[in-house]
Structures are given as structure tokens and as C-alpha cells.
């Protein structure tokens, strides 16, 4: 009987541990589209964000990434900084812009994938974009962070 309660206790503990983590899977394609426009997480939750580029074109032709920005960030202003950041795969290197980024994947070409892990920030709405020049006008969405 004691073994049963230990097993039950461990099962309950494991359930709560898993609830503290979430995996978000996003795909992108050669038509400059993400498969989702929004996803939800809970503040303080560990997030494993996976991006898979399901297209055919290379990262220099139609590269895609996911860049999650702080709440209130001006997407047009941020994306204009990305356009001149070719040497850093369109992730701005200046401190002001870097401070606006919560997390980002690598720039991917067709058939490639990447994962990034981060902790969900405070409750609110956080824009996510593809920072490849010209893509964020259509490749954007929102990460909604719910309170605990």
C-alpha cells in the first residue's frame, strides 16, 4: 500500500512539473506565412518554441525566424533596424534593439528547424515577427501571456 501512495505522489508531482513547461510549434513556408497567428502561455512558464521552415527556398532567398518582442514594441521601428542587420542574420546588434527581444530562433532556410527555450514574462501581449527584410508585414502574430 505504501508503494501505491508513493507512486501516486510521484505521478501527481510529475503532472505539475509538466504543466510548468509548454512546447509551441510553429511552421513557416515559402509563401511568407506562419501556421499560427497567436499562442498562449502562462507567466513564469518554461516555453520551448520550435520553428520549422517547411518551404524549399534557402535562408538567403526566403529565410524565416521567430523574434518575440517585449510588449509595446513598435514593430515597424524594430523591423527597420532588422533590415540593416544582414551580418547578424537580421537580428539587430545594437543594445537598444537587443533589449526589446525576449527570445528568437535562428534564421532558417527550407527544411531547417530550430528551438529556443525561455521563461514567459509577465502577463500581457507580446508581438512576434519574422525579421527577414519585408517579411514582418505579413509574418507576425502575438504571444498572449496569461497570469498565473
C-alpha atoms as a PDB file:
ATOM      1  CA  UNK A   1       0.000   0.000   0.000  1.00  0.00           C
ATOM      2  CA  UNK A   2       2.860   2.349   0.843  1.00  0.00           C
ATOM      3  CA  UNK A   3       4.322   1.815  -2.660  1.00  0.00           C
ATOM      4  CA  UNK A   4       0.967   2.746  -4.179  1.00  0.00           C
ATOM      5  CA  UNK A   5       0.899   6.105  -2.358  1.00  0.00           C
ATOM      6  CA  UNK A   6       4.495   6.842  -3.315  1.00  0.00           C
ATOM      7  CA  UNK A   7       3.691   6.085  -6.958  1.00  0.00           C
ATOM      8  CA  UNK A   8       0.557   8.232  -6.771  1.00  0.00           C
ATOM      9  CA  UNK A   9       2.511  11.091  -5.187  1.00  0.00           C
ATOM     10  CA  UNK A  10       5.188  10.927  -7.899  1.00  0.00           C
ATOM     11  CA  UNK A  11       2.578  10.851 -10.665  1.00  0.00           C
ATOM     12  CA  UNK A  12       0.896  13.960  -9.253  1.00  0.00           C
ATOM     13  CA  UNK A  13       4.238  15.756  -8.871  1.00  0.00           C
ATOM     14  CA  UNK A  14       5.245  14.892 -12.442  1.00  0.00           C
ATOM     15  CA  UNK A  15       1.915  16.224 -13.726  1.00  0.00           C
ATOM     16  CA  UNK A  16       2.564  19.598 -12.088  1.00  0.00           C
ATOM     17  CA  UNK A  17       6.167  19.688 -13.352  1.00  0.00           C
ATOM     18  CA  UNK A  18       4.967  19.147 -16.922  1.00  0.00           C
ATOM     19  CA  UNK A  19       2.359  21.895 -16.513  1.00  0.00           C
ATOM     20  CA  UNK A  20       5.210  24.335 -15.857  1.00  0.00           C
ATOM     21  CA  UNK A  21       6.528  23.664 -19.374  1.00  0.00           C
ATOM     22  CA  UNK A  22       4.878  24.116 -22.743  1.00  0.00           C
ATOM     23  CA  UNK A  23       6.033  23.370 -26.276  1.00  0.00           C
ATOM     24  CA  UNK A  24       4.924  25.694 -29.057  1.00  0.00           C
ATOM     25  CA  UNK A  25       5.459  24.502 -32.619  1.00  0.00           C
ATOM     26  CA  UNK A  26       5.389  26.996 -35.478  1.00  0.00           C
ATOM     27  CA  UNK A  27       5.961  26.337 -39.157  1.00  0.00           C
ATOM     28  CA  UNK A  28       6.825  28.830 -41.875  1.00  0.00           C
ATOM     29  CA  UNK A  29       6.752  28.427 -45.645  1.00  0.00           C
ATOM     30  CA  UNK A  30       7.881  29.958 -48.937  1.00  0.00           C
ATOM     31  CA  UNK A  31       4.648  31.995 -49.136  1.00  0.00           C
ATOM     32  CA  UNK A  32       5.796  34.046 -46.116  1.00  0.00           C
ATOM     33  CA  UNK A  33       3.276  32.548 -43.695  1.00  0.00           C
ATOM     34  CA  UNK A  34       3.350  31.167 -40.184  1.00  0.00           C
ATOM     35  CA  UNK A  35       0.848  28.405 -39.472  1.00  0.00           C
ATOM     36  CA  UNK A  36      -0.384  30.304 -36.391  1.00  0.00           C
ATOM     37  CA  UNK A  37      -1.109  33.939 -35.602  1.00  0.00           C
ATOM     38  CA  UNK A  38      -1.228  33.598 -31.799  1.00  0.00           C
ATOM     39  CA  UNK A  39      -0.347  31.286 -28.953  1.00  0.00           C
ATOM     40  CA  UNK A  40      -0.938  31.335 -25.202  1.00  0.00           C
ATOM     41  CA  UNK A  41       1.402  30.629 -22.309  1.00  0.00           C
ATOM     42  CA  UNK A  42       1.309  31.373 -18.586  1.00  0.00           C
ATOM     43  CA  UNK A  43       3.626  33.851 -16.890  1.00  0.00           C
ATOM     44  CA  UNK A  44       6.688  32.175 -15.424  1.00  0.00           C
ATOM     45  CA  UNK A  45       6.152  29.078 -17.570  1.00  0.00           C
ATOM     46  CA  UNK A  46       9.122  27.490 -19.345  1.00  0.00           C
ATOM     47  CA  UNK A  47       8.462  27.767 -23.099  1.00  0.00           C
ATOM     48  CA  UNK A  48      10.124  25.596 -25.725  1.00  0.00           C
ATOM     49  CA  UNK A  49       9.481  27.327 -29.053  1.00  0.00           C
ATOM     50  CA  UNK A  50      10.137  25.259 -32.162  1.00  0.00           C
ATOM     51  CA  UNK A  51      10.227  26.717 -35.682  1.00  0.00           C
ATOM     52  CA  UNK A  52      10.324  24.561 -38.803  1.00  0.00           C
ATOM     53  CA  UNK A  53      10.689  26.119 -42.261  1.00  0.00           C
ATOM     54  CA  UNK A  54       8.656  23.742 -44.429  1.00  0.00           C
ATOM     55  CA  UNK A  55       9.460  25.553 -47.677  1.00  0.00           C
ATOM     56  CA  UNK A  56      12.180  24.895 -50.250  1.00  0.00           C
ATOM     57  CA  UNK A  57      13.992  28.231 -50.558  1.00  0.00           C
ATOM     58  CA  UNK A  58      17.298  28.973 -48.830  1.00  0.00           C
ATOM     59  CA  UNK A  59      17.760  31.333 -45.897  1.00  0.00           C
ATOM     60  CA  UNK A  60      19.280  33.943 -48.238  1.00  0.00           C
ATOM     61  CA  UNK A  61      16.251  33.830 -50.555  1.00  0.00           C
ATOM     62  CA  UNK A  62      13.354  33.448 -48.098  1.00  0.00           C
ATOM     63  CA  UNK A  63      14.773  32.907 -44.655  1.00  0.00           C
ATOM     64  CA  UNK A  64      12.437  32.865 -41.675  1.00  0.00           C
ATOM     65  CA  UNK A  65      12.792  33.148 -37.929  1.00  0.00           C
ATOM     66  CA  UNK A  66      10.608  33.968 -34.954  1.00  0.00           C
ATOM     67  CA  UNK A  67      11.522  37.005 -32.862  1.00  0.00           C
ATOM     68  CA  UNK A  68       9.405  37.617 -29.760  1.00  0.00           C
ATOM     69  CA  UNK A  69       9.421  41.257 -28.705  1.00  0.00           C
ATOM     70  CA  UNK A  70       8.605  42.986 -25.453  1.00  0.00           C
ATOM     71  CA  UNK A  71       5.065  44.310 -25.007  1.00  0.00           C
ATOM     72  CA  UNK A  72       4.576  47.745 -26.538  1.00  0.00           C
ATOM     73  CA  UNK A  73       7.470  47.441 -29.001  1.00  0.00           C
ATOM     74  CA  UNK A  74       6.876  49.295 -32.256  1.00  0.00           C
ATOM     75  CA  UNK A  75       7.092  46.507 -34.846  1.00  0.00           C
ATOM     76  CA  UNK A  76       7.749  48.897 -37.782  1.00  0.00           C
ATOM     77  CA  UNK A  77      10.564  50.663 -35.901  1.00  0.00           C
ATOM     78  CA  UNK A  78      12.116  47.368 -34.812  1.00  0.00           C
ATOM     79  CA  UNK A  79      11.854  45.805 -38.278  1.00  0.00           C
ATOM     80  CA  UNK A  80      13.583  48.815 -39.861  1.00  0.00           C
ATOM     81  CA  UNK A  81      16.602  48.026 -37.660  1.00  0.00           C
ATOM     82  CA  UNK A  82      16.455  44.400 -38.789  1.00  0.00           C
ATOM     83  CA  UNK A  83      16.707  45.359 -42.458  1.00  0.00           C
ATOM     84  CA  UNK A  84      20.263  46.626 -41.974  1.00  0.00           C
ATOM     85  CA  UNK A  85      21.416  43.685 -39.844  1.00  0.00           C
ATOM     86  CA  UNK A  86      22.331  41.204 -42.592  1.00  0.00           C
ATOM     87  CA  UNK A  87      25.636  40.301 -40.897  1.00  0.00           C
ATOM     88  CA  UNK A  88      23.768  39.150 -37.771  1.00  0.00           C
ATOM     89  CA  UNK A  89      21.019  37.263 -39.671  1.00  0.00           C
ATOM     90  CA  UNK A  90      18.641  40.229 -39.375  1.00  0.00           C
ATOM     91  CA  UNK A  91      18.777  40.400 -35.578  1.00  0.00           C
ATOM     92  CA  UNK A  92      19.868  43.959 -34.683  1.00  0.00           C
ATOM     93  CA  UNK A  93      23.118  44.077 -32.714  1.00  0.00           C
ATOM     94  CA  UNK A  94      22.664  47.448 -31.022  1.00  0.00           C
ATOM     95  CA  UNK A  95      21.876  47.296 -27.302  1.00  0.00           C
ATOM     96  CA  UNK A  96      18.607  49.260 -27.572  1.00  0.00           C
ATOM     97  CA  UNK A  97      17.154  46.794 -30.090  1.00  0.00           C
ATOM     98  CA  UNK A  98      18.588  43.716 -28.322  1.00  0.00           C
ATOM     99  CA  UNK A  99      16.833  44.826 -25.131  1.00  0.00           C
ATOM    100  CA  UNK A 100      13.483  44.624 -26.952  1.00  0.00           C
ATOM    101  CA  UNK A 101      13.911  40.907 -27.735  1.00  0.00           C
ATOM    102  CA  UNK A 102      12.573  38.270 -25.366  1.00  0.00           C
ATOM    103  CA  UNK A 103      13.726  35.313 -27.495  1.00  0.00           C
ATOM    104  CA  UNK A 104      14.444  34.418 -31.099  1.00  0.00           C
ATOM    105  CA  UNK A 105      15.189  31.419 -33.268  1.00  0.00           C
ATOM    106  CA  UNK A 106      17.911  31.215 -35.879  1.00  0.00           C
ATOM    107  CA  UNK A 107      17.229  32.346 -39.448  1.00  0.00           C
ATOM    108  CA  UNK A 108      16.205  29.202 -41.336  1.00  0.00           C
ATOM    109  CA  UNK A 109      16.039  28.059 -44.926  1.00  0.00           C
ATOM    110  CA  UNK A 110      13.706  25.433 -46.346  1.00  0.00           C
ATOM    111  CA  UNK A 111      13.818  22.116 -44.490  1.00  0.00           C
ATOM    112  CA  UNK A 112      15.611  23.555 -41.446  1.00  0.00           C
ATOM    113  CA  UNK A 113      14.373  23.841 -37.876  1.00  0.00           C
ATOM    114  CA  UNK A 114      15.450  25.444 -34.614  1.00  0.00           C
ATOM    115  CA  UNK A 115      14.322  25.568 -30.992  1.00  0.00           C
ATOM    116  CA  UNK A 116      14.703  28.175 -28.302  1.00  0.00           C
ATOM    117  CA  UNK A 117      13.787  27.954 -24.618  1.00  0.00           C
ATOM    118  CA  UNK A 118      12.768  30.917 -22.481  1.00  0.00           C
ATOM    119  CA  UNK A 119      10.663  31.806 -19.471  1.00  0.00           C
ATOM    120  CA  UNK A 120       7.346  33.507 -20.218  1.00  0.00           C
ATOM    121  CA  UNK A 121       7.367  37.123 -18.990  1.00  0.00           C
ATOM    122  CA  UNK A 122       4.629  38.934 -17.064  1.00  0.00           C
ATOM    123  CA  UNK A 123       1.019  38.707 -18.240  1.00  0.00           C
ATOM    124  CA  UNK A 124       0.339  40.694 -21.402  1.00  0.00           C
ATOM    125  CA  UNK A 125       0.525  40.604 -25.197  1.00  0.00           C
ATOM    126  CA  UNK A 126       3.879  40.281 -26.929  1.00  0.00           C
ATOM    127  CA  UNK A 127       4.316  40.597 -30.702  1.00  0.00           C
ATOM    128  CA  UNK A 128       6.313  38.028 -32.638  1.00  0.00           C
ATOM    129  CA  UNK A 129       7.674  38.592 -36.137  1.00  0.00           C
ATOM    130  CA  UNK A 130       9.950  37.264 -38.842  1.00  0.00           C
ATOM    131  CA  UNK A 131      12.842  39.742 -39.014  1.00  0.00           C
ATOM    132  CA  UNK A 132      13.897  38.942 -42.604  1.00  0.00           C
ATOM    133  CA  UNK A 133      13.521  42.217 -44.568  1.00  0.00           C
ATOM    134  CA  UNK A 134       9.940  42.803 -45.716  1.00  0.00           C
ATOM    135  CA  UNK A 135       8.526  39.707 -44.049  1.00  0.00           C
ATOM    136  CA  UNK A 136       7.113  41.179 -40.848  1.00  0.00           C
ATOM    137  CA  UNK A 137       4.367  42.990 -42.732  1.00  0.00           C
ATOM    138  CA  UNK A 138       2.653  39.589 -43.103  1.00  0.00           C
ATOM    139  CA  UNK A 139       4.644  37.284 -40.812  1.00  0.00           C
ATOM    140  CA  UNK A 140       3.609  38.427 -37.386  1.00  0.00           C
ATOM    141  CA  UNK A 141       1.472  37.324 -34.509  1.00  0.00           C
ATOM    142  CA  UNK A 142       1.060  37.637 -30.762  1.00  0.00           C
ATOM    143  CA  UNK A 143       2.166  35.628 -27.756  1.00  0.00           C
ATOM    144  CA  UNK A 144      -0.510  36.027 -25.097  1.00  0.00           C
ATOM    145  CA  UNK A 145       0.800  35.543 -21.587  1.00  0.00           C
ATOM    146  CA  UNK A 146      -1.912  34.716 -19.058  1.00  0.00           C
ATOM    147  CA  UNK A 147      -1.467  35.477 -15.354  1.00  0.00           C
ATOM    148  CA  UNK A 148      -0.710  32.566 -13.002  1.00  0.00           C
END
